[in-house]
N, C-alpha and C. Protein backbone atom coordinates (compact mmCIF):
# COMPACT_ATOMS: atom_id res chain seq x y z
N MET A 1 51.31 -5.39 -26.09
CA MET A 1 50.10 -5.16 -27.04
C MET A 1 49.22 -4.06 -26.27
N SER A 2 49.02 -2.86 -26.71
CA SER A 2 48.02 -1.88 -26.14
C SER A 2 46.64 -1.80 -26.95
N HIS A 3 45.78 -1.83 -26.18
CA HIS A 3 44.13 -1.78 -27.00
C HIS A 3 44.28 -0.36 -26.84
N PRO A 4 43.41 0.39 -27.45
CA PRO A 4 43.29 1.87 -27.39
C PRO A 4 41.94 1.71 -26.72
N HIS A 5 41.26 2.86 -25.99
CA HIS A 5 40.00 3.23 -25.84
C HIS A 5 39.29 3.87 -26.70
N PRO A 6 37.95 3.66 -27.09
CA PRO A 6 37.12 4.17 -28.24
C PRO A 6 37.30 5.72 -28.48
N ASP A 7 37.31 6.34 -27.11
CA ASP A 7 37.14 7.62 -27.22
C ASP A 7 38.40 8.21 -26.88
N SER A 8 39.92 7.69 -26.90
CA SER A 8 41.22 7.98 -26.52
C SER A 8 41.55 8.44 -28.02
N THR A 9 42.99 9.26 -27.76
CA THR A 9 43.69 9.58 -28.90
C THR A 9 44.17 8.24 -29.40
N PRO A 10 45.07 8.16 -30.36
CA PRO A 10 45.80 6.80 -31.05
C PRO A 10 46.94 6.40 -30.22
N ALA A 11 46.93 5.36 -30.19
CA ALA A 11 47.60 4.41 -29.25
C ALA A 11 49.24 5.03 -29.06
N GLN A 12 49.83 5.07 -27.84
CA GLN A 12 51.06 5.76 -27.53
C GLN A 12 52.21 4.16 -27.53
N PRO A 13 53.36 4.34 -28.04
CA PRO A 13 54.09 3.01 -27.53
C PRO A 13 54.36 2.89 -26.13
N HIS A 14 54.26 1.74 -25.68
CA HIS A 14 54.06 1.45 -24.57
C HIS A 14 55.51 1.69 -23.80
N SER A 15 55.45 2.46 -22.60
CA SER A 15 56.53 2.90 -21.82
C SER A 15 56.32 2.53 -20.10
N GLU A 16 57.05 2.35 -19.48
CA GLU A 16 56.95 2.55 -18.19
C GLU A 16 56.23 3.64 -17.60
N PRO A 17 55.59 3.84 -16.51
CA PRO A 17 54.92 4.91 -15.83
C PRO A 17 55.86 5.27 -15.08
N PHE A 18 56.96 5.01 -14.09
CA PHE A 18 57.91 5.17 -13.50
C PHE A 18 59.24 4.93 -13.73
N PRO A 19 60.25 5.46 -14.32
CA PRO A 19 61.42 4.98 -14.28
C PRO A 19 62.09 4.04 -12.98
N ALA A 20 62.41 3.09 -13.31
CA ALA A 20 63.13 2.07 -12.02
C ALA A 20 64.11 3.01 -11.40
N GLN A 21 63.73 2.94 -9.93
CA GLN A 21 65.04 3.46 -9.34
C GLN A 21 66.25 2.67 -8.93
N ALA A 22 67.22 2.39 -9.06
CA ALA A 22 68.32 1.57 -8.38
C ALA A 22 68.72 1.64 -6.86
N HIS A 23 67.67 0.75 -5.99
CA HIS A 23 68.15 0.29 -4.74
C HIS A 23 67.52 1.29 -3.73
N SER A 24 66.54 2.31 -4.18
CA SER A 24 66.21 3.58 -3.72
C SER A 24 64.51 3.22 -3.48
N GLU A 25 63.94 2.18 -3.27
CA GLU A 25 62.62 1.77 -3.33
C GLU A 25 62.78 0.25 -2.02
N PRO A 26 62.09 0.14 -1.35
CA PRO A 26 62.01 -0.88 -0.52
C PRO A 26 61.69 -2.45 -1.24
N PHE A 27 60.61 -2.07 -2.25
CA PHE A 27 60.66 -3.02 -3.05
C PHE A 27 60.79 -3.08 -4.67
N PRO A 28 61.48 -4.17 -5.02
CA PRO A 28 61.69 -3.82 -6.43
C PRO A 28 60.32 -3.11 -7.33
N ALA A 29 61.01 -2.39 -8.43
CA ALA A 29 59.59 -2.10 -9.41
C ALA A 29 58.88 -3.15 -10.10
N GLN A 30 57.37 -3.25 -9.98
CA GLN A 30 56.81 -4.07 -10.72
C GLN A 30 56.81 -3.80 -12.08
N PRO A 31 57.02 -4.73 -13.22
CA PRO A 31 56.79 -5.06 -14.55
C PRO A 31 55.33 -4.35 -14.72
N TYR A 32 55.25 -3.36 -15.89
CA TYR A 32 53.88 -2.78 -15.82
C TYR A 32 52.95 -4.01 -16.78
N ALA A 33 51.67 -4.15 -16.07
CA ALA A 33 50.98 -5.25 -16.48
C ALA A 33 49.86 -4.73 -17.72
N GLU A 34 49.94 -5.83 -18.65
CA GLU A 34 49.03 -5.22 -19.64
C GLU A 34 47.71 -5.29 -19.41
N PRO A 35 46.63 -4.55 -19.99
CA PRO A 35 45.25 -4.60 -19.58
C PRO A 35 44.44 -5.86 -20.14
N HIS A 36 43.50 -6.11 -19.30
CA HIS A 36 42.93 -7.60 -20.59
C HIS A 36 42.17 -6.87 -21.55
N PRO A 37 41.80 -7.55 -22.36
CA PRO A 37 41.41 -7.17 -23.88
C PRO A 37 39.82 -6.69 -23.23
N VAL A 38 39.23 -6.21 -24.38
CA VAL A 38 37.80 -5.37 -24.15
C VAL A 38 37.15 -6.36 -24.66
N GLN A 39 36.03 -6.89 -23.34
CA GLN A 39 34.88 -7.73 -23.81
C GLN A 39 34.28 -7.60 -24.74
N ALA A 40 33.50 -8.00 -25.41
CA ALA A 40 32.51 -7.74 -26.82
C ALA A 40 31.38 -7.24 -25.75
N TYR A 41 30.47 -6.35 -26.31
CA TYR A 41 29.44 -5.56 -25.27
C TYR A 41 28.03 -6.28 -25.36
N SER A 42 28.06 -7.50 -26.39
CA SER A 42 27.21 -8.61 -26.04
C SER A 42 26.71 -8.96 -24.88
N GLU A 43 27.93 -9.54 -24.16
CA GLU A 43 28.23 -10.27 -23.10
C GLU A 43 28.91 -9.72 -21.92
N PRO A 44 28.58 -8.40 -21.04
CA PRO A 44 29.36 -7.96 -20.08
C PRO A 44 30.08 -8.55 -18.90
N PHE A 45 29.54 -9.82 -18.70
CA PHE A 45 30.23 -10.74 -17.58
C PHE A 45 30.38 -11.95 -18.24
N PRO A 46 31.36 -12.63 -18.00
CA PRO A 46 31.86 -13.96 -18.53
C PRO A 46 30.38 -15.00 -18.08
N ALA A 47 30.36 -15.75 -18.66
CA ALA A 47 28.88 -17.22 -18.60
C ALA A 47 29.54 -17.57 -17.43
N GLN A 48 30.72 -18.23 -17.23
CA GLN A 48 31.12 -18.72 -16.00
C GLN A 48 30.58 -18.13 -14.43
N ALA A 49 30.33 -17.05 -14.56
CA ALA A 49 29.79 -16.48 -13.28
C ALA A 49 28.41 -16.57 -13.13
N TYR A 50 27.56 -16.87 -14.06
CA TYR A 50 26.34 -17.38 -13.60
C TYR A 50 25.92 -18.98 -14.35
N PRO A 51 26.18 -19.70 -13.45
CA PRO A 51 26.58 -21.15 -14.12
C PRO A 51 24.59 -21.66 -14.33
N GLN A 52 23.71 -21.20 -13.69
CA GLN A 52 22.28 -21.47 -13.69
C GLN A 52 21.46 -19.97 -13.91
N ALA A 53 20.73 -20.25 -14.88
CA ALA A 53 19.63 -19.07 -15.31
C ALA A 53 18.53 -18.86 -13.68
N PRO A 54 18.46 -17.60 -13.80
CA PRO A 54 17.59 -17.51 -12.93
C PRO A 54 16.21 -17.77 -13.01
N PRO A 55 15.79 -18.23 -12.23
CA PRO A 55 14.10 -18.74 -12.02
C PRO A 55 12.97 -17.48 -12.89
N GLN A 56 12.13 -18.27 -13.55
CA GLN A 56 11.21 -16.94 -14.65
C GLN A 56 10.22 -17.39 -13.68
N MET A 57 9.73 -15.75 -13.40
CA MET A 57 8.13 -15.68 -13.34
C MET A 57 7.38 -15.89 -13.96
N ALA A 58 6.24 -17.00 -13.55
CA ALA A 58 4.78 -17.05 -14.30
C ALA A 58 4.40 -15.88 -14.69
N ALA A 59 3.75 -15.93 -16.50
CA ALA A 59 3.29 -14.46 -16.49
C ALA A 59 1.98 -14.25 -15.89
N PRO A 60 1.07 -13.17 -15.47
CA PRO A 60 0.00 -13.20 -14.79
C PRO A 60 -1.18 -13.37 -15.49
N MET A 61 -1.99 -13.93 -15.08
CA MET A 61 -3.17 -14.44 -15.49
C MET A 61 -4.40 -13.25 -15.66
N MET A 62 -4.84 -13.59 -16.90
CA MET A 62 -5.46 -12.21 -17.62
C MET A 62 -6.41 -12.17 -16.44
N GLY A 63 -7.23 -10.94 -16.25
CA GLY A 63 -8.24 -11.04 -15.49
C GLY A 63 -8.33 -11.14 -14.02
N TYR A 64 -7.16 -11.51 -13.66
CA TYR A 64 -7.12 -12.02 -11.77
C TYR A 64 -7.35 -10.75 -11.06
N HIS A 65 -6.46 -9.94 -11.58
CA HIS A 65 -6.19 -8.62 -10.55
C HIS A 65 -7.23 -7.42 -11.02
N GLN A 66 -8.49 -7.77 -11.44
CA GLN A 66 -9.42 -6.71 -11.61
C GLN A 66 -9.86 -6.35 -10.50
N MET A 67 -10.23 -4.81 -10.65
CA MET A 67 -10.92 -4.52 -9.60
C MET A 67 -12.28 -4.59 -9.32
N VAL A 68 -12.27 -4.77 -8.07
CA VAL A 68 -14.22 -5.01 -7.66
C VAL A 68 -14.29 -3.42 -7.35
N PRO A 69 -15.76 -3.42 -8.05
CA PRO A 69 -16.51 -2.04 -7.86
C PRO A 69 -16.69 -1.91 -6.01
N PRO A 70 -16.64 -0.54 -5.47
CA PRO A 70 -16.74 -0.59 -4.53
C PRO A 70 -18.21 -0.76 -3.68
N GLN A 71 -18.59 -1.67 -2.53
CA GLN A 71 -19.90 -2.02 -2.02
C GLN A 71 -20.61 -0.99 -1.01
N ASN A 72 -21.40 0.08 -1.73
CA ASN A 72 -21.95 1.00 -0.86
C ASN A 72 -23.02 0.84 0.18
N GLY A 73 -23.14 -0.31 -0.23
CA GLY A 73 -24.74 -0.44 -0.03
C GLY A 73 -25.01 -0.61 2.02
N ILE A 74 -24.17 -1.13 2.45
CA ILE A 74 -23.88 -1.55 3.96
C ILE A 74 -24.00 -0.14 4.75
N GLY A 75 -23.41 0.86 4.07
CA GLY A 75 -23.18 2.34 4.52
C GLY A 75 -24.32 2.89 4.54
N THR A 76 -24.79 3.13 3.54
CA THR A 76 -26.32 3.61 2.92
C THR A 76 -27.37 3.20 3.89
N ALA A 77 -27.02 1.97 3.95
CA ALA A 77 -28.25 1.31 4.49
C ALA A 77 -28.47 1.78 6.10
N GLY A 78 -26.97 1.91 6.94
CA GLY A 78 -26.82 2.24 8.40
C GLY A 78 -27.54 3.84 8.23
N PHE A 79 -27.18 4.44 7.20
CA PHE A 79 -27.29 6.10 7.15
C PHE A 79 -28.82 5.71 7.10
N VAL A 80 -29.84 5.51 6.33
CA VAL A 80 -31.30 5.30 6.57
C VAL A 80 -31.76 5.15 7.32
N THR A 81 -31.06 3.90 8.26
CA THR A 81 -31.69 3.34 9.08
C THR A 81 -31.61 3.82 10.14
N GLY A 82 -30.19 4.92 10.59
CA GLY A 82 -30.03 5.60 11.61
C GLY A 82 -31.05 7.04 11.47
N LEU A 83 -31.14 7.60 10.38
CA LEU A 83 -31.65 8.64 9.83
C LEU A 83 -33.26 8.24 10.57
N LEU A 84 -33.93 7.45 10.01
CA LEU A 84 -35.22 6.82 10.46
C LEU A 84 -35.23 6.82 11.97
N GLY A 85 -34.15 6.16 12.41
CA GLY A 85 -34.46 6.26 14.45
C GLY A 85 -34.16 7.17 14.73
N LEU A 86 -33.59 8.01 14.66
CA LEU A 86 -33.61 9.51 14.92
C LEU A 86 -35.20 10.26 14.67
N LEU A 87 -35.59 10.00 13.42
CA LEU A 87 -36.65 10.62 13.08
C LEU A 87 -38.07 10.10 14.34
N PHE A 88 -37.86 8.49 14.33
CA PHE A 88 -39.13 8.16 15.11
C PHE A 88 -38.32 7.34 16.52
N SER A 89 -37.46 8.18 16.98
CA SER A 89 -37.00 7.94 18.25
C SER A 89 -37.98 8.46 19.24
N TRP A 90 -39.08 9.48 19.03
CA TRP A 90 -40.22 9.84 20.12
C TRP A 90 -41.24 8.60 19.86
N LEU A 91 -41.30 7.60 19.27
CA LEU A 91 -42.17 6.17 19.12
C LEU A 91 -41.68 4.99 20.28
N GLY A 92 -40.55 5.61 20.69
CA GLY A 92 -40.00 4.32 21.82
C GLY A 92 -39.36 3.02 20.87
N ILE A 93 -39.83 1.79 20.99
CA ILE A 93 -39.15 0.52 20.48
C ILE A 93 -38.93 0.55 19.42
N VAL A 94 -39.81 1.36 18.36
CA VAL A 94 -39.70 1.43 16.77
C VAL A 94 -38.46 2.13 16.57
N GLY A 95 -38.09 3.48 17.15
CA GLY A 95 -37.05 4.06 17.06
C GLY A 95 -35.84 3.27 17.73
N LEU A 96 -36.05 2.59 18.64
CA LEU A 96 -34.81 2.14 19.10
C LEU A 96 -34.48 0.65 18.12
N ILE A 97 -35.20 0.13 17.53
CA ILE A 97 -34.66 -0.80 17.06
C ILE A 97 -34.28 -0.26 15.84
N LEU A 98 -34.71 0.92 15.28
CA LEU A 98 -34.03 1.36 13.92
C LEU A 98 -32.74 1.78 14.49
N CYS A 99 -32.47 2.70 15.52
CA CYS A 99 -31.24 3.17 15.63
C CYS A 99 -30.27 2.02 16.14
N ILE A 100 -30.44 0.56 16.66
CA ILE A 100 -29.50 -0.22 16.86
C ILE A 100 -29.35 -0.38 15.47
N ILE A 101 -30.19 -0.57 14.55
CA ILE A 101 -29.74 -1.63 13.27
C ILE A 101 -29.08 -0.50 12.54
N GLY A 102 -29.45 0.78 12.93
CA GLY A 102 -28.49 1.77 11.90
C GLY A 102 -27.08 2.01 12.38
N VAL A 103 -27.33 1.91 13.96
CA VAL A 103 -25.41 1.96 14.69
C VAL A 103 -24.68 0.71 14.05
N SER A 104 -25.11 -0.58 14.13
CA SER A 104 -24.32 -1.49 13.45
C SER A 104 -24.13 -1.59 12.04
N LEU A 105 -25.07 -1.38 11.45
CA LEU A 105 -24.88 -0.99 9.90
C LEU A 105 -23.73 0.02 9.38
N SER A 106 -23.95 0.97 10.17
CA SER A 106 -22.80 2.10 9.88
C SER A 106 -21.64 1.86 10.42
N GLY A 107 -21.74 0.95 11.85
CA GLY A 107 -20.01 0.42 12.06
C GLY A 107 -19.65 -0.37 11.07
N VAL A 108 -20.40 -1.21 10.46
CA VAL A 108 -20.03 -2.35 9.32
C VAL A 108 -19.39 -1.42 7.89
N GLY A 109 -20.33 -0.33 7.64
CA GLY A 109 -19.61 0.31 6.28
C GLY A 109 -18.52 1.41 6.92
N ILE A 110 -18.26 1.85 8.18
CA ILE A 110 -17.25 2.32 8.04
C ILE A 110 -15.98 1.51 8.15
N SER A 111 -16.14 -0.04 8.48
CA SER A 111 -15.04 -0.96 8.63
C SER A 111 -14.80 -1.17 7.16
N LYS A 112 -15.80 -1.34 6.18
CA LYS A 112 -15.62 -1.65 4.68
C LYS A 112 -14.72 -0.71 4.17
N ALA A 113 -15.25 0.88 4.56
CA ALA A 113 -14.38 1.77 4.25
C ALA A 113 -13.22 1.85 4.62
N ASN A 114 -12.48 1.53 5.67
CA ASN A 114 -11.24 1.68 5.71
C ASN A 114 -10.57 0.71 5.22
N LYS A 115 -11.13 -0.37 4.82
CA LYS A 115 -10.47 -1.45 3.98
C LYS A 115 -10.20 -1.43 2.69
N GLY A 116 -10.93 0.01 2.40
CA GLY A 116 -11.12 0.55 0.74
C GLY A 116 -12.00 -0.44 0.00
N GLN A 117 -12.81 -1.25 0.80
CA GLN A 117 -14.02 -1.92 -0.08
C GLN A 117 -15.39 -1.08 -0.59
N ALA A 118 -15.10 0.42 0.10
CA ALA A 118 -16.42 1.10 -0.19
C ALA A 118 -15.95 2.38 -0.05
N THR A 119 -16.66 3.20 -0.64
CA THR A 119 -16.00 4.69 -0.97
C THR A 119 -16.85 5.65 0.17
N ASN A 120 -18.00 5.30 0.73
CA ASN A 120 -19.01 5.98 1.26
C ASN A 120 -18.55 6.29 2.71
N LYS A 121 -17.30 6.50 3.08
CA LYS A 121 -17.21 6.51 4.70
C LYS A 121 -17.86 7.60 5.55
N GLY A 122 -18.34 8.91 4.96
CA GLY A 122 -19.15 10.00 5.36
C GLY A 122 -20.26 9.72 5.31
N LEU A 123 -21.28 9.00 4.60
CA LEU A 123 -22.36 8.55 4.61
C LEU A 123 -22.39 7.59 6.01
N ALA A 124 -21.80 6.47 6.10
CA ALA A 124 -21.63 5.64 6.84
C ALA A 124 -21.75 6.61 8.62
N VAL A 125 -20.68 7.29 8.57
CA VAL A 125 -20.31 8.21 10.03
C VAL A 125 -21.80 9.16 10.21
N ALA A 126 -22.29 9.71 8.78
CA ALA A 126 -23.31 10.35 9.53
C ALA A 126 -24.34 9.51 10.08
N GLY A 127 -24.58 7.99 9.52
CA GLY A 127 -25.38 7.33 9.93
C GLY A 127 -25.51 6.75 11.33
N LEU A 128 -23.88 6.73 11.87
CA LEU A 128 -23.21 6.25 13.06
C LEU A 128 -23.99 7.54 13.87
N VAL A 129 -23.68 8.74 13.86
CA VAL A 129 -23.96 9.85 14.43
C VAL A 129 -25.48 9.66 14.91
N CYS A 130 -26.53 9.50 13.39
CA CYS A 130 -27.55 10.01 13.71
C CYS A 130 -28.54 8.51 14.43
N GLY A 131 -27.99 7.43 14.43
CA GLY A 131 -28.20 6.67 15.23
C GLY A 131 -27.80 6.96 16.95
N VAL A 132 -26.75 7.42 17.00
CA VAL A 132 -26.16 7.37 18.55
C VAL A 132 -26.89 8.24 18.80
N ILE A 133 -27.46 9.28 18.25
CA ILE A 133 -28.37 10.82 19.05
C ILE A 133 -29.42 9.90 19.07
N GLY A 134 -30.20 9.46 18.26
CA GLY A 134 -31.72 8.66 17.86
C GLY A 134 -31.62 7.38 19.58
N LEU A 135 -30.64 6.83 19.47
CA LEU A 135 -30.59 6.26 20.69
C LEU A 135 -30.46 6.65 22.13
N ALA A 136 -29.72 7.96 22.05
CA ALA A 136 -29.86 8.77 23.48
C ALA A 136 -30.88 9.42 23.49
N ILE A 137 -31.62 9.90 22.70
CA ILE A 137 -33.04 10.03 22.65
C ILE A 137 -34.33 9.09 22.98
N ASP A 138 -34.24 7.83 22.56
CA ASP A 138 -35.01 6.83 22.83
C ASP A 138 -34.69 6.45 24.45
N VAL A 139 -33.67 6.43 24.85
CA VAL A 139 -33.29 6.11 26.46
C VAL A 139 -34.01 7.33 27.27
N ILE A 140 -34.14 8.36 26.96
CA ILE A 140 -34.57 9.47 27.82
C ILE A 140 -36.34 8.88 27.59
N VAL A 141 -36.54 8.67 26.38
CA VAL A 141 -38.17 8.99 26.20
C VAL A 141 -38.58 7.56 26.81
N ILE A 142 -37.49 6.73 26.76
CA ILE A 142 -38.03 5.26 27.54
C ILE A 142 -38.07 5.59 29.32
N ILE A 143 -37.28 6.24 29.56
CA ILE A 143 -37.29 6.14 31.09
C ILE A 143 -38.26 7.63 31.55
N ALA A 144 -38.50 8.53 30.53
CA ALA A 144 -39.46 9.29 30.60
C ALA A 144 -41.08 8.40 30.89
N VAL A 145 -41.19 7.58 29.84
CA VAL A 145 -42.74 7.13 30.10
C VAL A 145 -42.91 6.43 31.06
N ALA A 146 -41.49 5.26 31.41
CA ALA A 146 -41.76 4.61 32.36
C ALA A 146 -41.48 5.04 33.83
N SER A 147 -41.27 6.47 33.84
CA SER A 147 -41.42 7.01 35.14
C SER A 147 -42.33 7.63 35.28
N VAL A 148 -43.65 7.75 34.20
CA VAL A 148 -44.97 8.18 34.20
C VAL A 148 -45.31 7.20 34.75
N PHE A 149 -45.36 5.93 34.27
CA PHE A 149 -46.52 4.81 34.25
C PHE A 149 -45.92 4.54 35.78
N ALA A 150 -44.65 4.39 36.13
CA ALA A 150 -44.49 3.98 37.80
C ALA A 150 -45.37 5.13 38.88
N SER A 151 -45.15 6.15 38.66
CA SER A 151 -45.99 7.17 39.27
C SER A 151 -47.52 6.91 39.26
N VAL A 152 -48.26 6.33 38.32
CA VAL A 152 -49.63 6.17 38.64
C VAL A 152 -49.90 5.11 39.08
């Protein structure tokens, strides 16, 4: 009994694909095997192939993956203190303290921006540059003042 394919023409009567030749083949001709009946489309694989159902994942909790707004305060504070340290670097110790605070806060701000916790990396880098330049000026001013007092 032959089952027609849905897209094929009407079924032809069953015939062997090749006529059997007497003793010319090294092995005897195999009888034509009837194809398995087409399974229903609702179950493409037999139920015995999967004895257990796959584990179900829990539904995600609502509100668990909410975005945290970026925290830009540390990078901004680093820029402000670095800029003030650069502006007041001629005052000696005041500029030195402001520059050290500006460099440290800007470093933390750059680190947070690299982790994706802040969006103001440029401002933090500007604060770091201002703080480093201010530190260099502070060191020069402190050395100059110390050399003046040492010569007196």
